[in-house]
Amino acid sequence: MGLCPGLLNQSFREITCQWTFHASGRKLASKITMKVTIQLLGQARQLAKSDRVTMEVPEGASVDDLVPGLLGEASERLLTVLVEDQRLRRSVMAILRDETIDPAAPNLLQDGDELSLLPPMSGG
């Protein structure tokens, strides 16, 4: 069947390759997925069932693209803290490799990455 395009420069450990076929059996496109772990910090950690969630995401996905996958098991209070209009709230810091990133920016996530989400602190 052959390798997926772009797979030679990727880690084989966590990447899966899915092919889309036309009814004639001809190969049309490939889709590479990566595993990303999301670590919840601050208030989000207290409201979640677990402080970490691992998701499979398409190559090139942005942090905002991960939000629908988070919606399924999250409580209403957690969603209020993290999500607005089906995107990550802009007040939530997305931290990747020790740097804050723009949640809408594509192609920042890599296979095996750990993304931390830190909602704003409150209280005194």
PDB file of N, CA and C in Angstrom:
ATOM      1  N   MET A   1       0.819  -1.190   0.000  1.00  0.00           N
ATOM      2  CA  MET A   1       0.000   0.000   0.000  1.00  0.00           C
ATOM      3  C   MET A   1       0.862   1.252   0.000  1.00  0.00           C
ATOM      4  N   GLY A   2       2.081   1.212   0.558  1.00  0.00           N
ATOM      5  CA  GLY A   2       2.969   2.365   0.520  1.00  0.00           C
ATOM      6  C   GLY A   2       2.825   3.245   1.748  1.00  0.00           C
ATOM      7  N   LEU A   3       3.794   4.123   1.914  1.00  0.00           N
ATOM      8  CA  LEU A   3       3.787   5.034   3.048  1.00  0.00           C
ATOM      9  C   LEU A   3       2.880   6.218   2.797  1.00  0.00           C
ATOM     10  N   CYS A   4       2.377   6.807   3.861  1.00  0.00           N
ATOM     11  CA  CYS A   4       1.594   8.028   3.771  1.00  0.00           C
ATOM     12  C   CYS A   4       2.522   9.174   3.392  1.00  0.00           C
ATOM     13  N   PRO A   5       2.068  10.131   2.603  1.00  0.00           N
ATOM     14  CA  PRO A   5       2.902  11.291   2.308  1.00  0.00           C
ATOM     15  C   PRO A   5       3.293  11.995   3.601  1.00  0.00           C
ATOM     16  N   GLY A   6       4.551  12.405   3.694  1.00  0.00           N
ATOM     17  CA  GLY A   6       5.022  13.137   4.863  1.00  0.00           C
ATOM     18  C   GLY A   6       5.386  12.258   6.040  1.00  0.00           C
ATOM     19  N   LEU A   7       5.167  10.956   5.946  1.00  0.00           N
ATOM     20  CA  LEU A   7       5.395  10.077   7.087  1.00  0.00           C
ATOM     21  C   LEU A   7       6.878   9.839   7.358  1.00  0.00           C
ATOM     22  N   LEU A   8       7.713   9.992   6.346  1.00  0.00           N
ATOM     23  CA  LEU A   8       9.130   9.703   6.522  1.00  0.00           C
ATOM     24  C   LEU A   8       9.784  10.604   7.559  1.00  0.00           C
ATOM     25  N   ASN A   9       9.279  11.804   7.744  1.00  0.00           N
ATOM     26  CA  ASN A   9       9.866  12.728   8.701  1.00  0.00           C
ATOM     27  C   ASN A   9       9.149  12.696  10.044  1.00  0.00           C
ATOM     28  N   GLN A  10       8.273  11.762  10.256  1.00  0.00           N
ATOM     29  CA  GLN A  10       7.471  11.703  11.471  1.00  0.00           C
ATOM     30  C   GLN A  10       7.867  10.485  12.309  1.00  0.00           C
ATOM     31  N   SER A  11       7.494  10.506  13.570  1.00  0.00           N
ATOM     32  CA  SER A  11       7.705   9.365  14.450  1.00  0.00           C
ATOM     33  C   SER A  11       6.665   8.300  14.118  1.00  0.00           C
ATOM     34  N   PHE A  12       7.089   7.072  13.924  1.00  0.00           N
ATOM     35  CA  PHE A  12       6.145   5.998  13.595  1.00  0.00           C
ATOM     36  C   PHE A  12       5.376   5.522  14.821  1.00  0.00           C
ATOM     37  N   ARG A  13       5.828   5.884  16.004  1.00  0.00           N
ATOM     38  CA  ARG A  13       5.264   5.366  17.243  1.00  0.00           C
ATOM     39  C   ARG A  13       3.782   5.667  17.400  1.00  0.00           C
ATOM     40  N   GLU A  14       3.349   6.882  17.153  1.00  0.00           N
ATOM     41  CA  GLU A  14       1.983   7.264  17.466  1.00  0.00           C
ATOM     42  C   GLU A  14       1.157   7.682  16.245  1.00  0.00           C
ATOM     43  N   ILE A  15       1.762   7.749  15.084  1.00  0.00           N
ATOM     44  CA  ILE A  15       1.032   8.234  13.914  1.00  0.00           C
ATOM     45  C   ILE A  15       0.323   7.069  13.233  1.00  0.00           C
ATOM     46  N   THR A  16      -0.918   7.287  12.866  1.00  0.00           N
ATOM     47  CA  THR A  16      -1.644   6.309  12.079  1.00  0.00           C
ATOM     48  C   THR A  16      -1.943   6.933  10.736  1.00  0.00           C
ATOM     49  N   CYS A  17      -2.089   6.114   9.744  1.00  0.00           N
ATOM     50  CA  CYS A  17      -2.373   6.619   8.408  1.00  0.00           C
ATOM     51  C   CYS A  17      -3.681   6.012   7.934  1.00  0.00           C
ATOM     52  N   GLN A  18      -4.552   6.860   7.420  1.00  0.00           N
ATOM     53  CA  GLN A  18      -5.827   6.390   6.899  1.00  0.00           C
ATOM     54  C   GLN A  18      -5.914   6.824   5.449  1.00  0.00           C
ATOM     55  N   TRP A  19      -6.316   5.925   4.587  1.00  0.00           N
ATOM     56  CA  TRP A  19      -6.461   6.242   3.166  1.00  0.00           C
ATOM     57  C   TRP A  19      -7.934   6.339   2.818  1.00  0.00           C
ATOM     58  N   THR A  20      -8.274   7.272   1.950  1.00  0.00           N
ATOM     59  CA  THR A  20      -9.631   7.396   1.433  1.00  0.00           C
ATOM     60  C   THR A  20      -9.634   6.812   0.026  1.00  0.00           C
ATOM     61  N   PHE A  21     -10.596   5.945  -0.262  1.00  0.00           N
ATOM     62  CA  PHE A  21     -10.655   5.294  -1.563  1.00  0.00           C
ATOM     63  C   PHE A  21     -11.900   5.716  -2.324  1.00  0.00           C
ATOM     64  N   HIS A  22     -11.750   5.844  -3.610  1.00  0.00           N
ATOM     65  CA  HIS A  22     -12.870   6.076  -4.512  1.00  0.00           C
ATOM     66  C   HIS A  22     -13.577   4.743  -4.682  1.00  0.00           C
ATOM     67  N   ALA A  23     -14.815   4.750  -5.134  1.00  0.00           N
ATOM     68  CA  ALA A  23     -15.569   3.505  -5.317  1.00  0.00           C
ATOM     69  C   ALA A  23     -14.844   2.544  -6.260  1.00  0.00           C
ATOM     70  N   SER A  24     -14.039   3.073  -7.170  1.00  0.00           N
ATOM     71  CA  SER A  24     -13.300   2.223  -8.110  1.00  0.00           C
ATOM     72  C   SER A  24     -12.125   1.517  -7.443  1.00  0.00           C
ATOM     73  N   GLY A  25     -11.833   1.879  -6.197  1.00  0.00           N
ATOM     74  CA  GLY A  25     -10.710   1.290  -5.495  1.00  0.00           C
ATOM     75  C   GLY A  25      -9.440   2.107  -5.628  1.00  0.00           C
ATOM     76  N   ARG A  26      -9.489   3.202  -6.365  1.00  0.00           N
ATOM     77  CA  ARG A  26      -8.326   4.065  -6.559  1.00  0.00           C
ATOM     78  C   ARG A  26      -8.086   4.895  -5.297  1.00  0.00           C
ATOM     79  N   LYS A  27      -6.838   4.998  -4.888  1.00  0.00           N
ATOM     80  CA  LYS A  27      -6.470   5.766  -3.707  1.00  0.00           C
ATOM     81  C   LYS A  27      -6.605   7.257  -4.023  1.00  0.00           C
ATOM     82  N   LEU A  28      -7.340   8.003  -3.190  1.00  0.00           N
ATOM     83  CA  LEU A  28      -7.553   9.423  -3.434  1.00  0.00           C
ATOM     84  C   LEU A  28      -6.729  10.318  -2.529  1.00  0.00           C
ATOM     85  N   ALA A  29      -6.713  10.054  -1.251  1.00  0.00           N
ATOM     86  CA  ALA A  29      -6.047  10.961  -0.309  1.00  0.00           C
ATOM     87  C   ALA A  29      -5.624  10.202   0.937  1.00  0.00           C
ATOM     88  N   SER A  30      -4.714  10.782   1.651  1.00  0.00           N
ATOM     89  CA  SER A  30      -4.316  10.187   2.929  1.00  0.00           C
ATOM     90  C   SER A  30      -4.585  11.186   4.036  1.00  0.00           C
ATOM     91  N   LYS A  31      -4.739  10.666   5.227  1.00  0.00           N
ATOM     92  CA  LYS A  31      -4.959  11.518   6.384  1.00  0.00           C
ATOM     93  C   LYS A  31      -4.078  10.995   7.501  1.00  0.00           C
ATOM     94  N   ILE A  32      -3.148  11.814   7.940  1.00  0.00           N
ATOM     95  CA  ILE A  32      -2.257  11.419   9.026  1.00  0.00           C
ATOM     96  C   ILE A  32      -2.808  11.995  10.318  1.00  0.00           C
ATOM     97  N   THR A  33      -2.883  11.169  11.339  1.00  0.00           N
ATOM     98  CA  THR A  33      -3.347  11.641  12.638  1.00  0.00           C
ATOM     99  C   THR A  33      -2.213  11.542  13.645  1.00  0.00           C
ATOM    100  N   MET A  34      -2.291  12.394  14.650  1.00  0.00           N
ATOM    101  CA  MET A  34      -1.277  12.446  15.700  1.00  0.00           C
ATOM    102  C   MET A  34      -1.970  12.324  17.044  1.00  0.00           C
ATOM    103  N   LYS A  35      -1.235  11.869  18.046  1.00  0.00           N
ATOM    104  CA  LYS A  35      -1.761  11.848  19.412  1.00  0.00           C
ATOM    105  C   LYS A  35      -1.195  13.045  20.162  1.00  0.00           C
ATOM    106  N   VAL A  36      -2.099  13.810  20.773  1.00  0.00           N
ATOM    107  CA  VAL A  36      -1.734  14.980  21.553  1.00  0.00           C
ATOM    108  C   VAL A  36      -2.366  14.825  22.931  1.00  0.00           C
ATOM    109  N   THR A  37      -1.605  15.094  23.978  1.00  0.00           N
ATOM    110  CA  THR A  37      -2.120  15.054  25.344  1.00  0.00           C
ATOM    111  C   THR A  37      -2.420  16.473  25.786  1.00  0.00           C
ATOM    112  N   ILE A  38      -3.601  16.669  26.326  1.00  0.00           N
ATOM    113  CA  ILE A  38      -4.016  17.976  26.824  1.00  0.00           C
ATOM    114  C   ILE A  38      -3.996  17.912  28.345  1.00  0.00           C
ATOM    115  N   GLN A  39      -3.220  18.794  28.941  1.00  0.00           N
ATOM    116  CA  GLN A  39      -3.127  18.884  30.397  1.00  0.00           C
ATOM    117  C   GLN A  39      -3.935  20.095  30.835  1.00  0.00           C
ATOM    118  N   LEU A  40      -4.856  19.877  31.754  1.00  0.00           N
ATOM    119  CA  LEU A  40      -5.679  20.962  32.278  1.00  0.00           C
ATOM    120  C   LEU A  40      -5.055  21.498  33.555  1.00  0.00           C
ATOM    121  N   LEU A  41      -4.940  22.808  33.645  1.00  0.00           N
ATOM    122  CA  LEU A  41      -4.308  23.448  34.796  1.00  0.00           C
ATOM    123  C   LEU A  41      -5.300  24.375  35.495  1.00  0.00           C
ATOM    124  N   GLY A  42      -4.952  24.798  36.703  1.00  0.00           N
ATOM    125  CA  GLY A  42      -5.756  25.768  37.444  1.00  0.00           C
ATOM    126  C   GLY A  42      -7.173  25.286  37.691  1.00  0.00           C
ATOM    127  N   GLN A  43      -8.126  26.193  37.502  1.00  0.00           N
ATOM    128  CA  GLN A  43      -9.537  25.898  37.741  1.00  0.00           C
ATOM    129  C   GLN A  43     -10.036  24.764  36.846  1.00  0.00           C
ATOM    130  N   ALA A  44      -9.523  24.661  35.639  1.00  0.00           N
ATOM    131  CA  ALA A  44      -9.951  23.597  34.723  1.00  0.00           C
ATOM    132  C   ALA A  44      -9.624  22.223  35.300  1.00  0.00           C
ATOM    133  N   ARG A  45      -8.480  22.091  35.938  1.00  0.00           N
ATOM    134  CA  ARG A  45      -8.085  20.817  36.551  1.00  0.00           C
ATOM    135  C   ARG A  45      -9.070  20.424  37.651  1.00  0.00           C
ATOM    136  N   GLN A  46      -9.519  21.396  38.433  1.00  0.00           N
ATOM    137  CA  GLN A  46     -10.445  21.123  39.532  1.00  0.00           C
ATOM    138  C   GLN A  46     -11.825  20.717  39.025  1.00  0.00           C
ATOM    139  N   LEU A  47     -12.210  21.201  37.857  1.00  0.00           N
ATOM    140  CA  LEU A  47     -13.552  20.929  37.329  1.00  0.00           C
ATOM    141  C   LEU A  47     -13.627  19.676  36.455  1.00  0.00           C
ATOM    142  N   ALA A  48     -12.500  19.141  36.057  1.00  0.00           N
ATOM    143  CA  ALA A  48     -12.469  18.001  35.142  1.00  0.00           C
ATOM    144  C   ALA A  48     -12.404  16.680  35.895  1.00  0.00           C
ATOM    145  N   LYS A  49     -12.841  15.609  35.236  1.00  0.00           N
ATOM    146  CA  LYS A  49     -12.749  14.272  35.808  1.00  0.00           C
ATOM    147  C   LYS A  49     -11.294  13.819  35.873  1.00  0.00           C
ATOM    148  N   SER A  50     -10.494  14.266  34.922  1.00  0.00           N
ATOM    149  CA  SER A  50      -9.083  13.907  34.854  1.00  0.00           C
ATOM    150  C   SER A  50      -8.288  15.149  34.468  1.00  0.00           C
ATOM    151  N   ASP A  51      -7.043  15.222  34.898  1.00  0.00           N
ATOM    152  CA  ASP A  51      -6.244  16.393  34.553  1.00  0.00           C
ATOM    153  C   ASP A  51      -5.570  16.266  33.185  1.00  0.00           C
ATOM    154  N   ARG A  52      -5.683  15.089  32.557  1.00  0.00           N
ATOM    155  CA  ARG A  52      -5.087  14.868  31.229  1.00  0.00           C
ATOM    156  C   ARG A  52      -6.069  14.131  30.321  1.00  0.00           C
ATOM    157  N   VAL A  53      -6.055  14.537  29.072  1.00  0.00           N
ATOM    158  CA  VAL A  53      -6.864  13.885  28.044  1.00  0.00           C
ATOM    159  C   VAL A  53      -5.969  13.683  26.835  1.00  0.00           C
ATOM    160  N   THR A  54      -5.957  12.482  26.274  1.00  0.00           N
ATOM    161  CA  THR A  54      -5.205  12.224  25.050  1.00  0.00           C
ATOM    162  C   THR A  54      -6.182  12.109  23.897  1.00  0.00           C
ATOM    163  N   MET A  55      -5.879  12.825  22.810  1.00  0.00           N
ATOM    164  CA  MET A  55      -6.763  12.852  21.650  1.00  0.00           C
ATOM    165  C   MET A  55      -5.970  12.558  20.378  1.00  0.00           C
ATOM    166  N   GLU A  56      -6.632  11.923  19.408  1.00  0.00           N
ATOM    167  CA  GLU A  56      -6.063  11.802  18.073  1.00  0.00           C
ATOM    168  C   GLU A  56      -6.592  12.968  17.262  1.00  0.00           C
ATOM    169  N   VAL A  57      -5.680  13.684  16.615  1.00  0.00           N
ATOM    170  CA  VAL A  57      -6.049  14.860  15.834  1.00  0.00           C
ATOM    171  C   VAL A  57      -5.405  14.766  14.458  1.00  0.00           C
ATOM    172  N   PRO A  58      -6.013  15.390  13.457  1.00  0.00           N
ATOM    173  CA  PRO A  58      -5.395  15.382  12.127  1.00  0.00           C
ATOM    174  C   PRO A  58      -4.119  16.221  12.110  1.00  0.00           C
ATOM    175  N   GLU A  59      -3.179  15.817  11.282  1.00  0.00           N
ATOM    176  CA  GLU A  59      -1.964  16.606  11.099  1.00  0.00           C
ATOM    177  C   GLU A  59      -2.357  18.021  10.678  1.00  0.00           C
ATOM    178  N   GLY A  60      -1.720  19.021  11.260  1.00  0.00           N
ATOM    179  CA  GLY A  60      -2.014  20.411  10.923  1.00  0.00           C
ATOM    180  C   GLY A  60      -3.110  21.036  11.762  1.00  0.00           C
ATOM    181  N   ALA A  61      -3.682  20.289  12.701  1.00  0.00           N
ATOM    182  CA  ALA A  61      -4.789  20.802  13.524  1.00  0.00           C
ATOM    183  C   ALA A  61      -4.319  21.944  14.420  1.00  0.00           C
ATOM    184  N   SER A  62      -5.224  22.872  14.664  1.00  0.00           N
ATOM    185  CA  SER A  62      -4.969  23.948  15.622  1.00  0.00           C
ATOM    186  C   SER A  62      -5.544  23.540  16.975  1.00  0.00           C
ATOM    187  N   VAL A  63      -5.233  24.311  18.009  1.00  0.00           N
ATOM    188  CA  VAL A  63      -5.805  24.057  19.334  1.00  0.00           C
ATOM    189  C   VAL A  63      -7.326  24.207  19.258  1.00  0.00           C
ATOM    190  N   ASP A  64      -7.806  25.205  18.529  1.00  0.00           N
ATOM    191  CA  ASP A  64      -9.257  25.378  18.384  1.00  0.00           C
ATOM    192  C   ASP A  64      -9.913  24.152  17.751  1.00  0.00           C
ATOM    193  N   ASP A  65      -9.184  23.438  16.894  1.00  0.00           N
ATOM    194  CA  ASP A  65      -9.727  22.222  16.272  1.00  0.00           C
ATOM    195  C   ASP A  65      -9.934  21.105  17.300  1.00  0.00           C
ATOM    196  N   LEU A  66      -9.271  21.181  18.447  1.00  0.00           N
ATOM    197  CA  LEU A  66      -9.395  20.154  19.482  1.00  0.00           C
ATOM    198  C   LEU A  66     -10.654  20.320  20.326  1.00  0.00           C
ATOM    199  N   VAL A  67     -11.225  21.519  20.314  1.00  0.00           N
ATOM    200  CA  VAL A  67     -12.346  21.834  21.202  1.00  0.00           C
ATOM    201  C   VAL A  67     -13.527  20.873  21.040  1.00  0.00           C
ATOM    202  N   PRO A  68     -13.980  20.549  19.830  1.00  0.00           N
ATOM    203  CA  PRO A  68     -15.116  19.611  19.741  1.00  0.00           C
ATOM    204  C   PRO A  68     -14.853  18.280  20.426  1.00  0.00           C
ATOM    205  N   GLY A  69     -13.631  17.808  20.420  1.00  0.00           N
ATOM    206  CA  GLY A  69     -13.299  16.567  21.105  1.00  0.00           C
ATOM    207  C   GLY A  69     -13.353  16.681  22.612  1.00  0.00           C
ATOM    208  N   LEU A  70     -13.174  17.883  23.122  1.00  0.00           N
ATOM    209  CA  LEU A  70     -13.244  18.110  24.569  1.00  0.00           C
ATOM    210  C   LEU A  70     -14.682  18.234  25.053  1.00  0.00           C
ATOM    211  N   LEU A  71     -15.595  18.588  24.170  1.00  0.00           N
ATOM    212  CA  LEU A  71     -16.971  18.877  24.562  1.00  0.00           C
ATOM    213  C   LEU A  71     -17.734  17.664  25.068  1.00  0.00           C
ATOM    214  N   GLY A  72     -17.403  16.492  24.568  1.00  0.00           N
ATOM    215  CA  GLY A  72     -18.172  15.300  24.875  1.00  0.00           C
ATOM    216  C   GLY A  72     -18.280  14.954  26.343  1.00  0.00           C
ATOM    217  N   GLU A  73     -17.186  14.957  27.064  1.00  0.00           N
ATOM    218  CA  GLU A  73     -17.189  14.488  28.447  1.00  0.00           C
ATOM    219  C   GLU A  73     -17.079  15.610  29.471  1.00  0.00           C
ATOM    220  N   ALA A  74     -17.007  16.844  29.027  1.00  0.00           N
ATOM    221  CA  ALA A  74     -16.784  17.956  29.956  1.00  0.00           C
ATOM    222  C   ALA A  74     -18.083  18.385  30.630  1.00  0.00           C
ATOM    223  N   SER A  75     -17.949  18.807  31.881  1.00  0.00           N
ATOM    224  CA  SER A  75     -19.107  19.337  32.609  1.00  0.00           C
ATOM    225  C   SER A  75     -19.433  20.741  32.087  1.00  0.00           C
ATOM    226  N   GLU A  76     -20.630  21.200  32.396  1.00  0.00           N
ATOM    227  CA  GLU A  76     -21.038  22.553  31.985  1.00  0.00           C
ATOM    228  C   GLU A  76     -20.097  23.604  32.563  1.00  0.00           C
ATOM    229  N   ARG A  77     -19.693  23.439  33.804  1.00  0.00           N
ATOM    230  CA  ARG A  77     -18.801  24.422  34.435  1.00  0.00           C
ATOM    231  C   ARG A  77     -17.438  24.451  33.742  1.00  0.00           C
ATOM    232  N   LEU A  78     -16.924  23.283  33.374  1.00  0.00           N
ATOM    233  CA  LEU A  78     -15.643  23.232  32.676  1.00  0.00           C
ATOM    234  C   LEU A  78     -15.759  23.889  31.301  1.00  0.00           C
ATOM    235  N   LEU A  79     -16.848  23.615  30.606  1.00  0.00           N
ATOM    236  CA  LEU A  79     -17.057  24.239  29.296  1.00  0.00           C
ATOM    237  C   LEU A  79     -17.134  25.753  29.404  1.00  0.00           C
ATOM    238  N   THR A  80     -17.777  26.242  30.465  1.00  0.00           N
ATOM    239  CA  THR A  80     -17.883  27.685  30.676  1.00  0.00           C
ATOM    240  C   THR A  80     -16.496  28.304  30.863  1.00  0.00           C
ATOM    241  N   VAL A  81     -15.607  27.593  31.520  1.00  0.00           N
ATOM    242  CA  VAL A  81     -14.261  28.098  31.776  1.00  0.00           C
ATOM    243  C   VAL A  81     -13.386  28.057  30.513  1.00  0.00           C
ATOM    244  N   LEU A  82     -13.543  27.013  29.690  1.00  0.00           N
ATOM    245  CA  LEU A  82     -12.632  26.798  28.566  1.00  0.00           C
ATOM    246  C   LEU A  82     -13.143  27.241  27.197  1.00  0.00           C
ATOM    247  N   VAL A  83     -14.452  27.147  26.958  1.00  0.00           N
ATOM    248  CA  VAL A  83     -14.971  27.247  25.590  1.00  0.00           C
ATOM    249  C   VAL A  83     -15.919  28.418  25.406  1.00  0.00           C
ATOM    250  N   GLU A  84     -15.805  29.044  24.233  1.00  0.00           N
ATOM    251  CA  GLU A  84     -16.726  30.103  23.832  1.00  0.00           C
ATOM    252  C   GLU A  84     -16.885  30.022  22.319  1.00  0.00           C
ATOM    253  N   ASP A  85     -18.124  29.927  21.847  1.00  0.00           N
ATOM    254  CA  ASP A  85     -18.407  29.838  20.404  1.00  0.00           C
ATOM    255  C   ASP A  85     -17.643  28.697  19.732  1.00  0.00           C
ATOM    256  N   GLN A  86     -17.619  27.525  20.355  1.00  0.00           N
ATOM    257  CA  GLN A  86     -16.976  26.328  19.822  1.00  0.00           C
ATOM    258  C   GLN A  86     -15.462  26.494  19.626  1.00  0.00           C
ATOM    259  N   ARG A  87     -14.861  27.470  20.299  1.00  0.00           N
ATOM    260  CA  ARG A  87     -13.419  27.696  20.257  1.00  0.00           C
ATOM    261  C   ARG A  87     -12.907  27.840  21.684  1.00  0.00           C
ATOM    262  N   LEU A  88     -11.605  27.740  21.839  1.00  0.00           N
ATOM    263  CA  LEU A  88     -11.010  27.982  23.146  1.00  0.00           C
ATOM    264  C   LEU A  88     -11.184  29.456  23.488  1.00  0.00           C
ATOM    265  N   ARG A  89     -11.636  29.734  24.699  1.00  0.00           N
ATOM    266  CA  ARG A  89     -11.752  31.144  25.127  1.00  0.00           C
ATOM    267  C   ARG A  89     -10.401  31.823  24.969  1.00  0.00           C
ATOM    268  N   ARG A  90     -10.413  33.038  24.515  1.00  0.00           N
ATOM    269  CA  ARG A  90      -9.158  33.760  24.298  1.00  0.00           C
ATOM    270  C   ARG A  90      -8.484  34.131  25.611  1.00  0.00           C
ATOM    271  N   SER A  91      -9.209  34.040  26.728  1.00  0.00           N
ATOM    272  CA  SER A  91      -8.608  34.304  28.038  1.00  0.00           C
ATOM    273  C   SER A  91      -7.852  33.081  28.569  1.00  0.00           C
ATOM    274  N   VAL A  92      -8.009  31.930  27.925  1.00  0.00           N
ATOM    275  CA  VAL A  92      -7.317  30.708  28.342  1.00  0.00           C
ATOM    276  C   VAL A  92      -5.957  30.652  27.647  1.00  0.00           C
ATOM    277  N   MET A  93      -4.912  30.475  28.429  1.00  0.00           N
ATOM    278  CA  MET A  93      -3.572  30.357  27.848  1.00  0.00           C
ATOM    279  C   MET A  93      -3.373  28.945  27.327  1.00  0.00           C
ATOM    280  N   ALA A  94      -2.944  28.841  26.066  1.00  0.00           N
ATOM    281  CA  ALA A  94      -2.553  27.563  25.475  1.00  0.00           C
ATOM    282  C   ALA A  94      -1.031  27.536  25.481  1.00  0.00           C
ATOM    283  N   ILE A  95      -0.464  26.550  26.173  1.00  0.00           N
ATOM    284  CA  ILE A  95       0.987  26.485  26.360  1.00  0.00           C
ATOM    285  C   ILE A  95       1.508  25.209  25.699  1.00  0.00           C
ATOM    286  N   LEU A  96       2.438  25.391  24.776  1.00  0.00           N
ATOM    287  CA  LEU A  96       3.013  24.273  24.035  1.00  0.00           C
ATOM    288  C   LEU A  96       4.529  24.420  24.045  1.00  0.00           C
ATOM    289  N   ARG A  97       5.212  23.401  24.511  1.00  0.00           N
ATOM    290  CA  ARG A  97       6.677  23.430  24.599  1.00  0.00           C
ATOM    291  C   ARG A  97       7.173  24.675  25.326  1.00  0.00           C
ATOM    292  N   ASP A  98       6.563  24.977  26.463  1.00  0.00           N
ATOM    293  CA  ASP A  98       6.940  26.085  27.352  1.00  0.00           C
ATOM    294  C   ASP A  98       6.734  27.470  26.740  1.00  0.00           C
ATOM    295  N   GLU A  99       5.894  27.587  25.713  1.00  0.00           N
ATOM    296  CA  GLU A  99       5.584  28.882  25.120  1.00  0.00           C
ATOM    297  C   GLU A  99       4.080  28.990  24.928  1.00  0.00           C
ATOM    298  N   THR A 100       3.538  30.200  25.139  1.00  0.00           N
ATOM    299  CA  THR A 100       2.127  30.405  24.837  1.00  0.00           C
ATOM    300  C   THR A 100       1.972  30.501  23.322  1.00  0.00           C
ATOM    301  N   ILE A 101       0.869  29.945  22.830  1.00  0.00           N
ATOM    302  CA  ILE A 101       0.629  29.935  21.384  1.00  0.00           C
ATOM    303  C   ILE A 101      -0.763  30.468  21.091  1.00  0.00           C
ATOM    304  N   ASP A 102      -0.983  30.869  19.852  1.00  0.00           N
ATOM    305  CA  ASP A 102      -2.292  31.297  19.366  1.00  0.00           C
ATOM    306  C   ASP A 102      -3.121  30.045  19.107  1.00  0.00           C
ATOM    307  N   PRO A 103      -4.255  29.871  19.792  1.00  0.00           N
ATOM    308  CA  PRO A 103      -5.065  28.663  19.610  1.00  0.00           C
ATOM    309  C   PRO A 103      -5.593  28.469  18.192  1.00  0.00           C
ATOM    310  N   ALA A 104      -5.647  29.532  17.406  1.00  0.00           N
ATOM    311  CA  ALA A 104      -6.156  29.416  16.038  1.00  0.00           C
ATOM    312  C   ALA A 104      -5.068  29.066  15.025  1.00  0.00           C
ATOM    313  N   ALA A 105      -3.807  29.106  15.427  1.00  0.00           N
ATOM    314  CA  ALA A 105      -2.700  28.864  14.499  1.00  0.00           C
ATOM    315  C   ALA A 105      -2.601  27.387  14.133  1.00  0.00           C
ATOM    316  N   PRO A 106      -2.622  27.058  12.843  1.00  0.00           N
ATOM    317  CA  PRO A 106      -2.492  25.662  12.421  1.00  0.00           C
ATOM    318  C   PRO A 106      -1.023  25.222  12.408  1.00  0.00           C
ATOM    319  N   ASN A 107      -0.819  23.940  12.326  1.00  0.00           N
ATOM    320  CA  ASN A 107       0.494  23.327  12.123  1.00  0.00           C
ATOM    321  C   ASN A 107       1.499  23.529  13.262  1.00  0.00           C
ATOM    322  N   LEU A 108       1.035  23.838  14.467  1.00  0.00           N
ATOM    323  CA  LEU A 108       1.957  23.958  15.595  1.00  0.00           C
ATOM    324  C   LEU A 108       2.079  22.655  16.368  1.00  0.00           C
ATOM    325  N   LEU A 109       1.000  21.887  16.414  1.00  0.00           N
ATOM    326  CA  LEU A 109       0.983  20.640  17.174  1.00  0.00           C
ATOM    327  C   LEU A 109       1.739  19.553  16.423  1.00  0.00           C
ATOM    328  N   GLN A 110       2.486  18.748  17.176  1.00  0.00           N
ATOM    329  CA  GLN A 110       3.210  17.619  16.613  1.00  0.00           C
ATOM    330  C   GLN A 110       2.835  16.369  17.382  1.00  0.00           C
ATOM    331  N   ASP A 111       3.069  15.228  16.746  1.00  0.00           N
ATOM    332  CA  ASP A 111       2.774  13.955  17.382  1.00  0.00           C
ATOM    333  C   ASP A 111       3.495  13.848  18.720  1.00  0.00           C
ATOM    334  N   GLY A 112       2.761  13.461  19.760  1.00  0.00           N
ATOM    335  CA  GLY A 112       3.327  13.272  21.085  1.00  0.00           C
ATOM    336  C   GLY A 112       3.391  14.531  21.928  1.00  0.00           C
ATOM    337  N   ASP A 113       2.952  15.667  21.396  1.00  0.00           N
ATOM    338  CA  ASP A 113       2.990  16.920  22.151  1.00  0.00           C
ATOM    339  C   ASP A 113       2.084  16.866  23.372  1.00  0.00           C
ATOM    340  N   GLU A 114       2.459  17.642  24.383  1.00  0.00           N
ATOM    341  CA  GLU A 114       1.600  17.879  25.538  1.00  0.00           C
ATOM    342  C   GLU A 114       1.247  19.364  25.525  1.00  0.00           C
ATOM    343  N   LEU A 115      -0.024  19.636  25.416  1.00  0.00           N
ATOM    344  CA  LEU A 115      -0.561  20.987  25.378  1.00  0.00           C
ATOM    345  C   LEU A 115      -1.178  21.264  26.739  1.00  0.00           C
ATOM    346  N   SER A 116      -0.820  22.372  27.357  1.00  0.00           N
ATOM    347  CA  SER A 116      -1.413  22.750  28.642  1.00  0.00           C
ATOM    348  C   SER A 116      -2.398  23.900  28.433  1.00  0.00           C
ATOM    349  N   LEU A 117      -3.556  23.808  29.089  1.00  0.00           N
ATOM    350  CA  LEU A 117      -4.565  24.858  29.028  1.00  0.00           C
ATOM    351  C   LEU A 117      -4.716  25.452  30.418  1.00  0.00           C
ATOM    352  N   LEU A 118      -4.500  26.762  30.528  1.00  0.00           N
ATOM    353  CA  LEU A 118      -4.540  27.450  31.804  1.00  0.00           C
ATOM    354  C   LEU A 118      -5.544  28.598  31.739  1.00  0.00           C
ATOM    355  N   PRO A 119      -6.724  28.412  32.373  1.00  0.00           N
ATOM    356  CA  PRO A 119      -7.690  29.501  32.424  1.00  0.00           C
ATOM    357  C   PRO A 119      -7.183  30.619  33.334  1.00  0.00           C
ATOM    358  N   PRO A 120      -7.761  31.819  33.225  1.00  0.00           N
ATOM    359  CA  PRO A 120      -7.316  32.913  34.083  1.00  0.00           C
ATOM    360  C   PRO A 120      -7.554  32.587  35.565  1.00  0.00           C
ATOM    361  N   MET A 121      -6.672  33.080  36.398  1.00  0.00           N
ATOM    362  CA  MET A 121      -6.784  32.878  37.843  1.00  0.00           C
ATOM    363  C   MET A 121      -7.770  33.908  38.404  1.00  0.00           C
ATOM    364  N   SER A 122      -8.449  33.504  39.464  1.00  0.00           N
ATOM    365  CA  SER A 122      -9.352  34.442  40.127  1.00  0.00           C
ATOM    366  C   SER A 122      -9.209  34.258  41.628  1.00  0.00           C
ATOM    367  N   GLY A 123      -9.743  35.180  42.347  1.00  0.00           N
ATOM    368  CA  GLY A 123      -9.675  35.081  43.809  1.00  0.00           C
ATOM    369  C   GLY A 123      -8.642  36.047  44.353  1.00  0.00           C
ATOM    370  N   GLY A 124      -8.368  35.930  45.621  1.00  0.00           N
ATOM    371  CA  GLY A 124      -7.426  36.872  46.189  1.00  0.00           C
ATOM    372  C   GLY A 124      -6.850  36.425  47.485  1.00  0.00           C
TER     373      GLY A 124
END
